[in-house]
């Protein structure tokens, strides 16, 4: 789908480090720029991101004074004042998380409210009785894809996002589930292929998230940490694992779940941020409750049933194809074409 006109976008984010929803605004900016739109990413210091390719412009937030754009877009409530006070014919607030600061003021503004997932759309409808526009996704399918990687075939590798500083990510719940699984796995003699279990954790340490989660980390299962991986290296890490597990709550779009699926890894997860892609025992094992026992049931179901693991993997791979960044931009431009009124 192509827009009938060219737009000048200004996107506001607090920074361009590897955290939060900044990936969405970088990938959307790349696709909009490829289609001939102008796209300027404003953040605190104004330098371009160094961890992911970016084709648009960057400027410091202070440069918003006197700036002129057709469309302003953000998803960060900490930038509420700057977003409110910068004039533009159309303003889009892209909801990616629940119970954020200034939430009530945002949904009752005259801005266009966009949901990044079915989870967020249902939340906004239930809590505020608004029917938000949708721009659901996304995933970079060129980077995150199945690939052949070398691996230890005697080990059943379980990957998870190791952001221990964020309780909503549920890392302690995952640890308890994996510890229970590993004890039973080894008592049962593993599987026909693997004899022991290993937990594989990854995170990024940098501006906006300075704490090293691997320090003082305790786990009764063999574990390994990977910090500050490039995007291709992260994709290779997913592909080296037998299972990905996620115990998030209050999420909008669960990036790591979708990335693992796109890399061909069977997934055990909660419903948080996954309603668009995770359908129980069809594309993933969706835990009924956010509890170690229910997560372990899913791990057992995948580890001891290779046919189920293959079925979930293949159906998930098929499902995620519809959530590429070009698809997200198609949805955004449809909203903008419908709502944009030049000054």
C-alpha atoms as a PDB file:
ATOM      1  CA  UNK A   1       0.000   0.000   0.000  1.00  0.00           C
ATOM      2  CA  UNK A   2       1.410   3.424  -0.975  1.00  0.00           C
ATOM      3  CA  UNK A   3       0.402   6.738   0.525  1.00  0.00           C
ATOM      4  CA  UNK A   4      -0.996   9.296  -1.886  1.00  0.00           C
ATOM      5  CA  UNK A   5       1.303  12.028  -0.578  1.00  0.00           C
ATOM      6  CA  UNK A   6       4.701  12.562   0.999  1.00  0.00           C
ATOM      7  CA  UNK A   7       4.829  13.499   4.687  1.00  0.00           C
ATOM      8  CA  UNK A   8       7.377  15.187   6.912  1.00  0.00           C
ATOM      9  CA  UNK A   9       7.598  13.195  10.184  1.00  0.00           C
ATOM     10  CA  UNK A  10       9.025  14.185  13.537  1.00  0.00           C
ATOM     11  CA  UNK A  11       9.427  11.329  16.052  1.00  0.00           C
ATOM     12  CA  UNK A  12      10.185  11.966  19.738  1.00  0.00           C
ATOM     13  CA  UNK A  13      12.057   9.429  21.870  1.00  0.00           C
ATOM     14  CA  UNK A  14      14.095   9.937  25.082  1.00  0.00           C
ATOM     15  CA  UNK A  15      17.233   8.294  23.637  1.00  0.00           C
ATOM     16  CA  UNK A  16      18.470   5.866  20.988  1.00  0.00           C
ATOM     17  CA  UNK A  17      20.003   3.185  23.211  1.00  0.00           C
ATOM     18  CA  UNK A  18      18.901  -0.452  23.072  1.00  0.00           C
ATOM     19  CA  UNK A  19      15.946  -0.225  25.419  1.00  0.00           C
ATOM     20  CA  UNK A  20      12.245   0.517  25.421  1.00  0.00           C
ATOM     21  CA  UNK A  21      10.368   1.169  22.208  1.00  0.00           C
ATOM     22  CA  UNK A  22      13.086   3.024  20.316  1.00  0.00           C
ATOM     23  CA  UNK A  23      13.566   0.112  17.894  1.00  0.00           C
ATOM     24  CA  UNK A  24      10.026   0.733  16.607  1.00  0.00           C
ATOM     25  CA  UNK A  25      10.790   4.338  15.739  1.00  0.00           C
ATOM     26  CA  UNK A  26      14.085   3.501  14.062  1.00  0.00           C
ATOM     27  CA  UNK A  27      12.644   0.706  11.917  1.00  0.00           C
ATOM     28  CA  UNK A  28       9.547   2.741  11.019  1.00  0.00           C
ATOM     29  CA  UNK A  29      11.812   5.661  10.130  1.00  0.00           C
ATOM     30  CA  UNK A  30      13.922   3.464   7.870  1.00  0.00           C
ATOM     31  CA  UNK A  31      10.879   2.246   5.966  1.00  0.00           C
ATOM     32  CA  UNK A  32       9.301   5.709   5.674  1.00  0.00           C
ATOM     33  CA  UNK A  33      12.587   7.145   4.426  1.00  0.00           C
ATOM     34  CA  UNK A  34      12.863   4.311   1.876  1.00  0.00           C
ATOM     35  CA  UNK A  35       9.416   5.309   0.578  1.00  0.00           C
ATOM     36  CA  UNK A  36      10.411   8.936   0.107  1.00  0.00           C
ATOM     37  CA  UNK A  37       9.035  10.540   3.268  1.00  0.00           C
ATOM     38  CA  UNK A  38      11.181  12.808   5.435  1.00  0.00           C
ATOM     39  CA  UNK A  39      11.762  11.445   8.931  1.00  0.00           C
ATOM     40  CA  UNK A  40      13.543  13.180  11.821  1.00  0.00           C
ATOM     41  CA  UNK A  41      14.186  11.386  15.097  1.00  0.00           C
ATOM     42  CA  UNK A  42      14.444  13.762  18.070  1.00  0.00           C
ATOM     43  CA  UNK A  43      16.063  12.602  21.292  1.00  0.00           C
ATOM     44  CA  UNK A  44      17.995  14.068  24.198  1.00  0.00           C
ATOM     45  CA  UNK A  45      21.432  14.440  22.579  1.00  0.00           C
ATOM     46  CA  UNK A  46      20.679  14.047  18.884  1.00  0.00           C
ATOM     47  CA  UNK A  47      23.306  11.549  17.681  1.00  0.00           C
ATOM     48  CA  UNK A  48      22.288   8.647  15.418  1.00  0.00           C
ATOM     49  CA  UNK A  49      21.908   5.145  16.921  1.00  0.00           C
ATOM     50  CA  UNK A  50      25.076   3.022  16.796  1.00  0.00           C
ATOM     51  CA  UNK A  51      23.547  -0.439  17.260  1.00  0.00           C
ATOM     52  CA  UNK A  52      21.183  -0.615  14.291  1.00  0.00           C
ATOM     53  CA  UNK A  53      21.228   0.894  10.778  1.00  0.00           C
ATOM     54  CA  UNK A  54      19.196   4.099  10.511  1.00  0.00           C
ATOM     55  CA  UNK A  55      18.455   6.037   7.316  1.00  0.00           C
ATOM     56  CA  UNK A  56      16.625   9.105   8.631  1.00  0.00           C
ATOM     57  CA  UNK A  57      17.769  12.316  10.296  1.00  0.00           C
ATOM     58  CA  UNK A  58      18.459  12.849  14.004  1.00  0.00           C
ATOM     59  CA  UNK A  59      18.332  16.046  16.022  1.00  0.00           C
ATOM     60  CA  UNK A  60      18.386  16.940  19.745  1.00  0.00           C
ATOM     61  CA  UNK A  61      15.054  17.489  21.470  1.00  0.00           C
ATOM     62  CA  UNK A  62      15.871  21.159  21.961  1.00  0.00           C
ATOM     63  CA  UNK A  63      15.734  21.570  18.174  1.00  0.00           C
ATOM     64  CA  UNK A  64      11.960  21.031  18.335  1.00  0.00           C
ATOM     65  CA  UNK A  65      11.602  24.754  19.089  1.00  0.00           C
ATOM     66  CA  UNK A  66      10.628  26.255  15.771  1.00  0.00           C
ATOM     67  CA  UNK A  67      10.508  22.879  13.978  1.00  0.00           C
ATOM     68  CA  UNK A  68       7.740  22.240  11.469  1.00  0.00           C
ATOM     69  CA  UNK A  69       6.449  18.754  10.630  1.00  0.00           C
ATOM     70  CA  UNK A  70       3.281  17.345   9.105  1.00  0.00           C
ATOM     71  CA  UNK A  71       3.104  14.499  11.617  1.00  0.00           C
ATOM     72  CA  UNK A  72       4.505  14.215  15.139  1.00  0.00           C
ATOM     73  CA  UNK A  73       4.681  10.793  16.742  1.00  0.00           C
ATOM     74  CA  UNK A  74       5.839   9.425  20.105  1.00  0.00           C
ATOM     75  CA  UNK A  75       5.129   6.628  22.544  1.00  0.00           C
ATOM     76  CA  UNK A  76       6.928   8.079  25.551  1.00  0.00           C
ATOM     77  CA  UNK A  77       4.877   9.712  28.339  1.00  0.00           C
ATOM     78  CA  UNK A  78       7.948  11.477  29.744  1.00  0.00           C
ATOM     79  CA  UNK A  79       7.896  13.637  26.604  1.00  0.00           C
ATOM     80  CA  UNK A  80       4.254  14.592  27.127  1.00  0.00           C
ATOM     81  CA  UNK A  81       4.976  18.311  27.559  1.00  0.00           C
ATOM     82  CA  UNK A  82       7.240  18.666  24.527  1.00  0.00           C
ATOM     83  CA  UNK A  83       4.827  16.652  22.384  1.00  0.00           C
ATOM     84  CA  UNK A  84       1.853  18.734  23.522  1.00  0.00           C
ATOM     85  CA  UNK A  85       3.595  22.078  22.982  1.00  0.00           C
ATOM     86  CA  UNK A  86       5.068  21.380  19.519  1.00  0.00           C
ATOM     87  CA  UNK A  87       2.561  22.334  16.798  1.00  0.00           C
ATOM     88  CA  UNK A  88       1.765  19.911  13.980  1.00  0.00           C
ATOM     89  CA  UNK A  89      -1.357  19.210  11.867  1.00  0.00           C
ATOM     90  CA  UNK A  90      -1.461  15.613  13.111  1.00  0.00           C
ATOM     91  CA  UNK A  91      -0.123  14.078  16.329  1.00  0.00           C
ATOM     92  CA  UNK A  92      -0.006  10.310  16.890  1.00  0.00           C
ATOM     93  CA  UNK A  93       0.558   8.780  20.305  1.00  0.00           C
ATOM     94  CA  UNK A  94       1.645   5.205  19.757  1.00  0.00           C
ATOM     95  CA  UNK A  95       0.606   3.144  22.792  1.00  0.00           C
ATOM     96  CA  UNK A  96       3.110   0.393  23.590  1.00  0.00           C
ATOM     97  CA  UNK A  97       2.650  -0.030  27.352  1.00  0.00           C
ATOM     98  CA  UNK A  98      -0.089  -0.046  29.965  1.00  0.00           C
ATOM     99  CA  UNK A  99      -0.637   2.288  32.929  1.00  0.00           C
ATOM    100  CA  UNK A 100       1.874   4.873  31.784  1.00  0.00           C
ATOM    101  CA  UNK A 101       2.321   8.380  33.198  1.00  0.00           C
ATOM    102  CA  UNK A 102      -0.237  10.931  31.923  1.00  0.00           C
ATOM    103  CA  UNK A 103      -2.233   8.087  30.416  1.00  0.00           C
ATOM    104  CA  UNK A 104      -5.659   9.587  31.077  1.00  0.00           C
ATOM    105  CA  UNK A 105      -4.613  12.977  29.690  1.00  0.00           C
ATOM    106  CA  UNK A 106      -3.175  11.323  26.588  1.00  0.00           C
ATOM    107  CA  UNK A 107      -6.275   9.308  25.683  1.00  0.00           C
ATOM    108  CA  UNK A 108      -8.534  12.334  26.318  1.00  0.00           C
ATOM    109  CA  UNK A 109      -6.458  14.651  24.138  1.00  0.00           C
ATOM    110  CA  UNK A 110      -7.274  15.429  20.506  1.00  0.00           C
ATOM    111  CA  UNK A 111      -4.297  13.338  19.382  1.00  0.00           C
ATOM    112  CA  UNK A 112      -4.721  10.217  17.285  1.00  0.00           C
ATOM    113  CA  UNK A 113      -4.258   7.154  19.494  1.00  0.00           C
ATOM    114  CA  UNK A 114      -2.572   4.160  17.872  1.00  0.00           C
ATOM    115  CA  UNK A 115      -2.178   0.699  19.440  1.00  0.00           C
ATOM    116  CA  UNK A 116       0.925  -1.347  18.676  1.00  0.00           C
ATOM    117  CA  UNK A 117      -0.789  -4.691  19.331  1.00  0.00           C
ATOM    118  CA  UNK A 118      -4.060  -6.433  20.043  1.00  0.00           C
ATOM    119  CA  UNK A 119      -3.073  -6.399  23.733  1.00  0.00           C
ATOM    120  CA  UNK A 120      -2.939  -2.595  23.720  1.00  0.00           C
ATOM    121  CA  UNK A 121      -6.089  -2.209  21.640  1.00  0.00           C
ATOM    122  CA  UNK A 122      -8.086  -4.328  24.104  1.00  0.00           C
ATOM    123  CA  UNK A 123      -6.589  -2.499  27.078  1.00  0.00           C
ATOM    124  CA  UNK A 124      -7.527   0.946  25.732  1.00  0.00           C
ATOM    125  CA  UNK A 125     -11.016  -0.198  24.824  1.00  0.00           C
ATOM    126  CA  UNK A 126     -11.611  -1.841  28.196  1.00  0.00           C
ATOM    127  CA  UNK A 127     -10.133   0.948  30.345  1.00  0.00           C
ATOM    128  CA  UNK A 128     -11.111   4.064  28.379  1.00  0.00           C
ATOM    129  CA  UNK A 129     -13.792   2.860  25.961  1.00  0.00           C
ATOM    130  CA  UNK A 130     -11.865   4.134  22.941  1.00  0.00           C
ATOM    131  CA  UNK A 131     -11.420   2.302  19.661  1.00  0.00           C
ATOM    132  CA  UNK A 132      -7.777   3.088  18.936  1.00  0.00           C
ATOM    133  CA  UNK A 133      -6.323   2.887  15.463  1.00  0.00           C
ATOM    134  CA  UNK A 134      -3.997  -0.061  14.890  1.00  0.00           C
ATOM    135  CA  UNK A 135      -0.430  -0.304  13.603  1.00  0.00           C
ATOM    136  CA  UNK A 136       0.434  -3.784  14.830  1.00  0.00           C
ATOM    137  CA  UNK A 137       3.955  -5.255  14.711  1.00  0.00           C
ATOM    138  CA  UNK A 138       6.741  -5.451  13.862  1.00  0.00           C
ATOM    139  CA  UNK A 139       9.795  -7.568  13.152  1.00  0.00           C
ATOM    140  CA  UNK A 140      12.798  -7.233  10.855  1.00  0.00           C
ATOM    141  CA  UNK A 141      12.479 -10.466   8.890  1.00  0.00           C
ATOM    142  CA  UNK A 142      15.791  -9.952   7.099  1.00  0.00           C
ATOM    143  CA  UNK A 143      17.699 -10.022  10.400  1.00  0.00           C
ATOM    144  CA  UNK A 144      15.539 -12.382  12.440  1.00  0.00           C
ATOM    145  CA  UNK A 145      15.168 -15.575  10.434  1.00  0.00           C
ATOM    146  CA  UNK A 146      16.032 -19.262  10.781  1.00  0.00           C
ATOM    147  CA  UNK A 147      19.711 -20.017  10.238  1.00  0.00           C
ATOM    148  CA  UNK A 148      22.181 -22.837  10.730  1.00  0.00           C
ATOM    149  CA  UNK A 149      24.523 -22.296  13.675  1.00  0.00           C
ATOM    150  CA  UNK A 150      27.028 -24.545  15.439  1.00  0.00           C
ATOM    151  CA  UNK A 151      25.818 -25.851  18.792  1.00  0.00           C
ATOM    152  CA  UNK A 152      26.402 -28.412  21.515  1.00  0.00           C
ATOM    153  CA  UNK A 153      23.967 -31.176  20.637  1.00  0.00           C
ATOM    154  CA  UNK A 154      24.224 -32.708  24.116  1.00  0.00           C
ATOM    155  CA  UNK A 155      22.616 -29.658  25.775  1.00  0.00           C
ATOM    156  CA  UNK A 156      18.994 -28.466  25.727  1.00  0.00           C
ATOM    157  CA  UNK A 157      19.382 -24.679  25.540  1.00  0.00           C
ATOM    158  CA  UNK A 158      16.640 -22.425  26.942  1.00  0.00           C
ATOM    159  CA  UNK A 159      16.840 -18.720  26.079  1.00  0.00           C
ATOM    160  CA  UNK A 160      15.253 -15.782  27.904  1.00  0.00           C
ATOM    161  CA  UNK A 161      15.573 -12.010  28.038  1.00  0.00           C
ATOM    162  CA  UNK A 162      17.619 -11.327  31.183  1.00  0.00           C
ATOM    163  CA  UNK A 163      16.398  -7.839  32.133  1.00  0.00           C
ATOM    164  CA  UNK A 164      16.481  -8.563  35.874  1.00  0.00           C
ATOM    165  CA  UNK A 165      15.986  -4.880  36.794  1.00  0.00           C
ATOM    166  CA  UNK A 166      12.449  -4.885  35.360  1.00  0.00           C
ATOM    167  CA  UNK A 167      10.019  -6.908  37.473  1.00  0.00           C
ATOM    168  CA  UNK A 168       7.521  -6.908  34.621  1.00  0.00           C
ATOM    169  CA  UNK A 169       9.896  -9.069  32.567  1.00  0.00           C
ATOM    170  CA  UNK A 170       9.453 -11.910  35.063  1.00  0.00           C
ATOM    171  CA  UNK A 171      13.038 -13.188  35.136  1.00  0.00           C
ATOM    172  CA  UNK A 172      12.723 -14.673  38.683  1.00  0.00           C
ATOM    173  CA  UNK A 173       9.626 -16.588  37.558  1.00  0.00           C
ATOM    174  CA  UNK A 174      11.507 -17.926  34.540  1.00  0.00           C
ATOM    175  CA  UNK A 175      14.432 -18.979  36.754  1.00  0.00           C
ATOM    176  CA  UNK A 176      12.202 -21.005  39.060  1.00  0.00           C
ATOM    177  CA  UNK A 177      10.502 -22.669  36.091  1.00  0.00           C
ATOM    178  CA  UNK A 178      13.817 -23.512  34.408  1.00  0.00           C
ATOM    179  CA  UNK A 179      15.347 -24.847  37.641  1.00  0.00           C
ATOM    180  CA  UNK A 180      12.405 -27.205  38.140  1.00  0.00           C
ATOM    181  CA  UNK A 181      12.521 -28.274  34.508  1.00  0.00           C
ATOM    182  CA  UNK A 182      16.293 -28.902  34.569  1.00  0.00           C
ATOM    183  CA  UNK A 183      16.173 -31.052  37.727  1.00  0.00           C
ATOM    184  CA  UNK A 184      13.478 -33.285  36.245  1.00  0.00           C
ATOM    185  CA  UNK A 185      15.072 -33.262  32.802  1.00  0.00           C
ATOM    186  CA  UNK A 186      18.327 -34.681  34.112  1.00  0.00           C
ATOM    187  CA  UNK A 187      16.591 -37.204  36.392  1.00  0.00           C
ATOM    188  CA  UNK A 188      14.687 -38.525  33.390  1.00  0.00           C
ATOM    189  CA  UNK A 189      17.916 -38.815  31.430  1.00  0.00           C
ATOM    190  CA  UNK A 190      17.115 -35.879  29.156  1.00  0.00           C
ATOM    191  CA  UNK A 191      15.900 -36.689  25.669  1.00  0.00           C
ATOM    192  CA  UNK A 192      17.216 -38.813  22.840  1.00  0.00           C
ATOM    193  CA  UNK A 193      19.472 -35.896  21.891  1.00  0.00           C
ATOM    194  CA  UNK A 194      20.243 -33.784  24.963  1.00  0.00           C
ATOM    195  CA  UNK A 195      21.316 -34.931  28.424  1.00  0.00           C
ATOM    196  CA  UNK A 196      21.425 -31.644  30.353  1.00  0.00           C
ATOM    197  CA  UNK A 197      19.706 -28.233  30.312  1.00  0.00           C
ATOM    198  CA  UNK A 198      21.277 -24.796  30.090  1.00  0.00           C
ATOM    199  CA  UNK A 199      19.806 -21.314  30.549  1.00  0.00           C
ATOM    200  CA  UNK A 200      20.922 -18.683  28.011  1.00  0.00           C
ATOM    201  CA  UNK A 201      20.322 -15.041  28.972  1.00  0.00           C
ATOM    202  CA  UNK A 202      20.888 -11.843  27.026  1.00  0.00           C
ATOM    203  CA  UNK A 203      20.565  -8.116  27.680  1.00  0.00           C
ATOM    204  CA  UNK A 204      22.111  -4.817  26.662  1.00  0.00           C
ATOM    205  CA  UNK A 205      24.040  -2.591  29.063  1.00  0.00           C
ATOM    206  CA  UNK A 206      24.341   1.063  28.112  1.00  0.00           C
ATOM    207  CA  UNK A 207      22.710   4.472  28.290  1.00  0.00           C
ATOM    208  CA  UNK A 208      19.314   4.114  29.924  1.00  0.00           C
ATOM    209  CA  UNK A 209      20.198   0.715  31.388  1.00  0.00           C
ATOM    210  CA  UNK A 210      23.616   0.839  33.011  1.00  0.00           C
ATOM    211  CA  UNK A 211      23.299  -2.072  35.457  1.00  0.00           C
ATOM    212  CA  UNK A 212      25.061  -5.292  34.416  1.00  0.00           C
ATOM    213  CA  UNK A 213      22.466  -8.039  35.104  1.00  0.00           C
ATOM    214  CA  UNK A 214      25.063 -10.815  35.007  1.00  0.00           C
ATOM    215  CA  UNK A 215      26.739  -9.570  38.190  1.00  0.00           C
ATOM    216  CA  UNK A 216      25.522 -11.257  41.380  1.00  0.00           C
ATOM    217  CA  UNK A 217      23.329 -13.518  39.245  1.00  0.00           C
ATOM    218  CA  UNK A 218      22.459 -16.789  40.957  1.00  0.00           C
ATOM    219  CA  UNK A 219      20.906 -19.824  39.308  1.00  0.00           C
ATOM    220  CA  UNK A 220      20.940 -23.542  40.103  1.00  0.00           C
ATOM    221  CA  UNK A 221      21.130 -24.369  36.389  1.00  0.00           C
ATOM    222  CA  UNK A 222      24.150 -24.065  34.117  1.00  0.00           C
ATOM    223  CA  UNK A 223      23.842 -20.625  32.549  1.00  0.00           C
ATOM    224  CA  UNK A 224      25.577 -18.254  30.167  1.00  0.00           C
ATOM    225  CA  UNK A 225      25.171 -14.520  29.604  1.00  0.00           C
ATOM    226  CA  UNK A 226      25.418 -12.538  26.376  1.00  0.00           C
ATOM    227  CA  UNK A 227      25.598  -8.749  26.622  1.00  0.00           C
ATOM    228  CA  UNK A 228      25.485  -6.037  23.962  1.00  0.00           C
ATOM    229  CA  UNK A 229      25.024  -8.340  20.994  1.00  0.00           C
ATOM    230  CA  UNK A 230      24.540  -6.884  17.543  1.00  0.00           C
ATOM    231  CA  UNK A 231      21.179  -7.631  15.950  1.00  0.00           C
ATOM    232  CA  UNK A 232      22.568 -10.369  13.651  1.00  0.00           C
ATOM    233  CA  UNK A 233      24.435 -11.918  16.595  1.00  0.00           C
ATOM    234  CA  UNK A 234      21.246 -11.886  18.659  1.00  0.00           C
ATOM    235  CA  UNK A 235      19.444 -13.686  15.835  1.00  0.00           C
ATOM    236  CA  UNK A 236      22.204 -16.305  15.776  1.00  0.00           C
ATOM    237  CA  UNK A 237      21.889 -16.708  19.552  1.00  0.00           C
ATOM    238  CA  UNK A 238      18.157 -17.374  19.272  1.00  0.00           C
ATOM    239  CA  UNK A 239      18.822 -19.918  16.533  1.00  0.00           C
ATOM    240  CA  UNK A 240      21.322 -21.775  18.751  1.00  0.00           C
ATOM    241  CA  UNK A 241      18.618 -22.517  21.330  1.00  0.00           C
ATOM    242  CA  UNK A 242      15.929 -25.180  21.592  1.00  0.00           C
ATOM    243  CA  UNK A 243      13.305 -23.057  23.308  1.00  0.00           C
ATOM    244  CA  UNK A 244      12.576 -19.450  24.242  1.00  0.00           C
ATOM    245  CA  UNK A 245      10.661 -18.616  27.422  1.00  0.00           C
ATOM    246  CA  UNK A 246       9.016 -15.325  28.394  1.00  0.00           C
ATOM    247  CA  UNK A 247       7.057 -14.420  31.550  1.00  0.00           C
ATOM    248  CA  UNK A 248       6.267 -10.770  30.853  1.00  0.00           C
ATOM    249  CA  UNK A 249       3.255  -8.879  32.171  1.00  0.00           C
ATOM    250  CA  UNK A 250       1.587  -5.641  31.038  1.00  0.00           C
ATOM    251  CA  UNK A 251       3.388  -5.732  27.706  1.00  0.00           C
ATOM    252  CA  UNK A 252       2.175  -4.301  24.431  1.00  0.00           C
ATOM    253  CA  UNK A 253       4.276  -6.012  21.750  1.00  0.00           C
ATOM    254  CA  UNK A 254       6.686  -8.661  23.048  1.00  0.00           C
ATOM    255  CA  UNK A 255       9.746  -8.052  20.852  1.00  0.00           C
ATOM    256  CA  UNK A 256      11.769 -11.000  22.111  1.00  0.00           C
ATOM    257  CA  UNK A 257       8.933 -13.504  21.653  1.00  0.00           C
ATOM    258  CA  UNK A 258       8.392 -12.464  18.047  1.00  0.00           C
ATOM    259  CA  UNK A 259      12.147 -12.413  17.348  1.00  0.00           C
ATOM    260  CA  UNK A 260      12.536 -15.956  18.690  1.00  0.00           C
ATOM    261  CA  UNK A 261       9.590 -17.159  16.599  1.00  0.00           C
ATOM    262  CA  UNK A 262      11.051 -15.534  13.480  1.00  0.00           C
ATOM    263  CA  UNK A 263      14.328 -17.398  14.137  1.00  0.00           C
ATOM    264  CA  UNK A 264      12.493 -20.718  14.232  1.00  0.00           C
ATOM    265  CA  UNK A 265      12.605 -21.290  18.000  1.00  0.00           C
ATOM    266  CA  UNK A 266       9.591 -22.836  19.819  1.00  0.00           C
ATOM    267  CA  UNK A 267       8.190 -20.447  22.438  1.00  0.00           C
ATOM    268  CA  UNK A 268       6.670 -20.718  25.925  1.00  0.00           C
ATOM    269  CA  UNK A 269       5.119 -17.404  26.965  1.00  0.00           C
ATOM    270  CA  UNK A 270       2.371 -15.522  28.751  1.00  0.00           C
ATOM    271  CA  UNK A 271      -0.421 -13.650  26.960  1.00  0.00           C
ATOM    272  CA  UNK A 272       1.268 -10.317  27.660  1.00  0.00           C
ATOM    273  CA  UNK A 273       2.188  -8.668  24.371  1.00  0.00           C
ATOM    274  CA  UNK A 274       1.592 -11.844  22.386  1.00  0.00           C
ATOM    275  CA  UNK A 275      -2.111 -11.954  21.449  1.00  0.00           C
ATOM    276  CA  UNK A 276      -1.313 -11.289  17.787  1.00  0.00           C
ATOM    277  CA  UNK A 277       1.119 -14.178  17.375  1.00  0.00           C
ATOM    278  CA  UNK A 278       0.907 -16.695  20.243  1.00  0.00           C
ATOM    279  CA  UNK A 279      -2.048 -19.067  20.019  1.00  0.00           C
ATOM    280  CA  UNK A 280      -1.962 -21.868  22.555  1.00  0.00           C
ATOM    281  CA  UNK A 281      -0.636 -25.148  21.184  1.00  0.00           C
ATOM    282  CA  UNK A 282      -0.856 -23.750  17.654  1.00  0.00           C
ATOM    283  CA  UNK A 283       2.017 -21.260  17.375  1.00  0.00           C
ATOM    284  CA  UNK A 284       3.322 -21.337  20.988  1.00  0.00           C
ATOM    285  CA  UNK A 285       2.685 -22.811  24.409  1.00  0.00           C
ATOM    286  CA  UNK A 286       0.803 -20.014  26.173  1.00  0.00           C
ATOM    287  CA  UNK A 287       0.885 -20.387  29.965  1.00  0.00           C
ATOM    288  CA  UNK A 288      -2.541 -20.028  31.520  1.00  0.00           C
ATOM    289  CA  UNK A 289      -1.067 -18.222  34.527  1.00  0.00           C
ATOM    290  CA  UNK A 290       2.209 -16.346  35.061  1.00  0.00           C
ATOM    291  CA  UNK A 291       3.571 -18.999  37.402  1.00  0.00           C
ATOM    292  CA  UNK A 292       6.594 -21.353  37.233  1.00  0.00           C
ATOM    293  CA  UNK A 293       4.439 -24.498  37.272  1.00  0.00           C
ATOM    294  CA  UNK A 294       2.469 -23.429  34.180  1.00  0.00           C
ATOM    295  CA  UNK A 295       5.607 -22.302  32.358  1.00  0.00           C
ATOM    296  CA  UNK A 296       7.309 -25.620  33.152  1.00  0.00           C
ATOM    297  CA  UNK A 297       4.355 -27.509  31.681  1.00  0.00           C
ATOM    298  CA  UNK A 298       5.007 -25.754  28.401  1.00  0.00           C
ATOM    299  CA  UNK A 299       8.717 -26.540  28.547  1.00  0.00           C
ATOM    300  CA  UNK A 300       7.919 -30.216  29.131  1.00  0.00           C
ATOM    301  CA  UNK A 301       5.428 -30.234  26.257  1.00  0.00           C
ATOM    302  CA  UNK A 302       8.065 -28.930  23.832  1.00  0.00           C
ATOM    303  CA  UNK A 303      11.158 -30.734  25.141  1.00  0.00           C
ATOM    304  CA  UNK A 304       9.647 -34.238  25.192  1.00  0.00           C
ATOM    305  CA  UNK A 305       7.540 -33.977  22.029  1.00  0.00           C
ATOM    306  CA  UNK A 306       9.671 -33.177  18.952  1.00  0.00           C
ATOM    307  CA  UNK A 307       6.654 -33.311  16.644  1.00  0.00           C
ATOM    308  CA  UNK A 308       4.846 -30.678  18.709  1.00  0.00           C
ATOM    309  CA  UNK A 309       7.987 -28.523  18.809  1.00  0.00           C
ATOM    310  CA  UNK A 310       8.277 -28.683  15.020  1.00  0.00           C
ATOM    311  CA  UNK A 311       4.594 -27.896  14.540  1.00  0.00           C
ATOM    312  CA  UNK A 312       4.703 -24.857  16.831  1.00  0.00           C
ATOM    313  CA  UNK A 313       7.897 -23.641  15.191  1.00  0.00           C
ATOM    314  CA  UNK A 314       6.561 -23.924  11.642  1.00  0.00           C
ATOM    315  CA  UNK A 315       3.198 -22.336  12.352  1.00  0.00           C
ATOM    316  CA  UNK A 316       4.833 -19.488  14.290  1.00  0.00           C
ATOM    317  CA  UNK A 317       7.222 -18.829  11.404  1.00  0.00           C
ATOM    318  CA  UNK A 318       4.246 -18.552   9.069  1.00  0.00           C
ATOM    319  CA  UNK A 319       2.361 -16.250  11.450  1.00  0.00           C
ATOM    320  CA  UNK A 320       5.130 -13.702  12.034  1.00  0.00           C
ATOM    321  CA  UNK A 321       5.525 -12.997   8.300  1.00  0.00           C
ATOM    322  CA  UNK A 322       2.528 -10.641   8.415  1.00  0.00           C
ATOM    323  CA  UNK A 323       4.129  -8.336  11.014  1.00  0.00           C
ATOM    324  CA  UNK A 324       7.133  -6.977   9.115  1.00  0.00           C
ATOM    325  CA  UNK A 325       8.043  -3.300   9.441  1.00  0.00           C
ATOM    326  CA  UNK A 326       6.720  -2.532   5.931  1.00  0.00           C
ATOM    327  CA  UNK A 327       3.371  -3.912   7.102  1.00  0.00           C
ATOM    328  CA  UNK A 328       3.470  -1.637  10.169  1.00  0.00           C
ATOM    329  CA  UNK A 329       4.177   1.377   7.976  1.00  0.00           C
ATOM    330  CA  UNK A 330       1.316   0.436   5.645  1.00  0.00           C
ATOM    331  CA  UNK A 331      -1.007   0.534   8.655  1.00  0.00           C
ATOM    332  CA  UNK A 332       0.387   3.838   9.914  1.00  0.00           C
ATOM    333  CA  UNK A 333       0.083   5.527   6.539  1.00  0.00           C
ATOM    334  CA  UNK A 334      -3.505   4.326   6.192  1.00  0.00           C
ATOM    335  CA  UNK A 335      -4.298   6.016   9.528  1.00  0.00           C
ATOM    336  CA  UNK A 336      -2.446   9.198   8.549  1.00  0.00           C
ATOM    337  CA  UNK A 337      -4.010   9.464   5.083  1.00  0.00           C
ATOM    338  CA  UNK A 338      -7.432   9.150   6.691  1.00  0.00           C
ATOM    339  CA  UNK A 339      -6.855  11.663   9.485  1.00  0.00           C
ATOM    340  CA  UNK A 340      -4.399  14.217   8.098  1.00  0.00           C
ATOM    341  CA  UNK A 341      -5.739  17.727   7.488  1.00  0.00           C
ATOM    342  CA  UNK A 342      -3.142  20.308   6.385  1.00  0.00           C
ATOM    343  CA  UNK A 343      -3.065  23.562   8.320  1.00  0.00           C
END
